Amino acid sequence: MLFQGECGGILAGPVIRRAWRSARKAVLSPHVYESPTGRRVYDNRNTRPTKWLNDGIPPAQVAEWAGNSVAVLPATYARCIDGRLPGPKLRLEAAGDLPQMPGAG
């Protein structure tokens, strides 16, 4: 178990939060430490699936690894996925199969 005390019991919330705050302060630049990035331990829950999706890992695989359904991914990560459109767009343009945008002449 991640947050287990010396005697095997689960650590109290305030103990975990203090340790987390100290760890963040020790490894992050002051600017990042003051930002909301990873402020709570739970904030990191979505970090890895977001990276996997941004790295092009198939959504079905990400869902399995993250313990989610594929249907949950767009609702949770749609605003986090970055940089995935240029490659497919270039392939569609090269194939002459890019849809016309409304108002484009």
Protein backbone atom coordinates (compact mmCIF):
# COMPACT_ATOMS: atom_id res chain seq x y z
CA MET A 1 0.00 0.00 0.00
CA LEU A 2 1.32 3.40 -0.97
CA PHE A 3 0.49 5.30 2.23
CA GLN A 4 1.18 2.77 4.95
CA GLY A 5 2.69 3.53 8.33
CA GLU A 6 5.46 1.60 10.06
CA CYS A 7 2.97 -0.62 11.88
CA GLY A 8 1.02 -1.39 8.72
CA GLY A 9 -1.89 0.98 9.24
CA ILE A 10 -2.95 3.58 6.73
CA LEU A 11 -1.47 7.01 7.37
CA ALA A 12 -3.77 9.83 8.37
CA GLY A 13 -4.73 12.36 5.70
CA PRO A 14 -2.84 15.29 7.27
CA VAL A 15 0.35 13.19 7.42
CA ILE A 16 0.05 12.30 3.74
CA ARG A 17 -0.65 15.92 2.78
CA ARG A 18 2.37 17.22 4.73
CA ALA A 19 4.65 14.61 3.16
CA TRP A 20 3.28 15.37 -0.31
CA ARG A 21 3.73 19.13 0.16
CA SER A 22 7.33 18.61 1.34
CA ALA A 23 8.12 16.30 -1.60
CA ARG A 24 6.69 18.78 -4.12
CA LYS A 25 8.66 21.64 -2.59
CA ALA A 26 11.86 19.59 -2.68
CA VAL A 27 11.65 18.68 -6.38
CA LEU A 28 9.65 21.40 -8.13
CA SER A 29 10.73 24.86 -9.15
CA PRO A 30 9.10 27.61 -7.06
CA HIS A 31 6.89 28.60 -10.01
CA VAL A 32 5.55 25.05 -10.48
CA TYR A 33 5.26 24.48 -6.73
CA GLU A 34 2.99 27.54 -6.44
CA SER A 35 0.85 26.38 -9.36
CA PRO A 36 -2.00 23.88 -9.03
CA THR A 37 0.14 21.18 -10.69
CA GLY A 38 -0.06 18.10 -8.50
CA ARG A 39 -1.18 20.13 -5.51
CA ARG A 40 -3.17 17.17 -4.21
CA VAL A 41 -2.04 13.54 -4.43
CA TYR A 42 -5.29 12.79 -6.28
CA ASP A 43 -4.36 15.33 -8.98
CA ASN A 44 -1.85 12.82 -10.30
CA ARG A 45 -4.57 10.27 -11.02
CA ASN A 46 -5.09 11.69 -14.51
CA THR A 47 -1.48 12.56 -15.30
CA ARG A 48 -0.39 9.19 -16.67
CA PRO A 49 -3.50 8.47 -18.81
CA THR A 50 -3.23 11.99 -20.26
CA LYS A 51 0.40 11.37 -21.20
CA TRP A 52 -0.45 7.98 -22.72
CA LEU A 53 -3.21 9.53 -24.84
CA ASN A 54 -0.94 12.39 -25.92
CA ASP A 55 1.73 9.84 -26.84
CA GLY A 56 -0.73 8.11 -29.16
CA ILE A 57 -1.44 4.98 -27.10
CA PRO A 58 -4.77 3.54 -28.33
CA PRO A 59 -7.68 4.64 -26.11
CA ALA A 60 -8.76 1.04 -25.45
CA GLN A 61 -5.32 0.27 -24.01
CA VAL A 62 -5.27 3.47 -21.93
CA ALA A 63 -8.73 2.65 -20.55
CA GLU A 64 -7.60 -0.83 -19.54
CA TRP A 65 -4.42 0.40 -17.87
CA ALA A 66 -6.27 3.23 -16.10
CA GLY A 67 -9.16 1.05 -14.94
CA ASN A 68 -11.66 3.10 -16.96
CA SER A 69 -14.00 2.34 -19.79
CA VAL A 70 -13.23 3.73 -23.24
CA ALA A 71 -16.43 5.80 -22.94
CA VAL A 72 -15.01 7.61 -19.89
CA LEU A 73 -11.88 8.79 -21.72
CA PRO A 74 -13.40 11.55 -23.89
CA ALA A 75 -15.36 12.96 -20.95
CA THR A 76 -12.32 13.00 -18.68
CA TYR A 77 -9.42 13.68 -21.00
CA ALA A 78 -10.79 15.47 -24.11
CA ARG A 79 -9.50 18.86 -22.95
CA CYS A 80 -6.14 17.38 -21.98
CA ILE A 81 -5.23 15.71 -25.24
CA ASP A 82 -2.84 17.92 -27.13
CA GLY A 83 -0.98 17.70 -30.38
CA ARG A 84 -2.79 14.71 -31.84
CA LEU A 85 -4.43 16.43 -34.84
CA PRO A 86 -1.47 17.56 -37.00
CA GLY A 87 -0.35 14.04 -38.00
CA PRO A 88 -3.77 12.72 -39.04
CA LYS A 89 -4.60 16.06 -40.70
CA LEU A 90 -1.44 15.90 -42.82
CA ARG A 91 -2.26 12.31 -43.84
CA LEU A 92 -5.80 13.33 -44.83
CA GLU A 93 -4.52 16.32 -46.80
CA ALA A 94 -1.98 14.13 -48.61
CA ALA A 95 -4.72 11.66 -49.54
CA GLY A 96 -7.02 14.49 -50.67
CA ASP A 97 -9.57 13.35 -48.11
CA LEU A 98 -9.68 16.31 -45.72
CA PRO A 99 -13.28 17.46 -45.20
CA GLN A 100 -14.16 20.95 -46.42
CA MET A 101 -14.71 23.42 -43.63
CA PRO A 102 -17.97 25.43 -43.80
CA GLY A 103 -17.37 28.71 -45.60
CA ALA A 104 -14.11 27.51 -47.17
CA GLY A 105 -13.97 28.28 -50.84
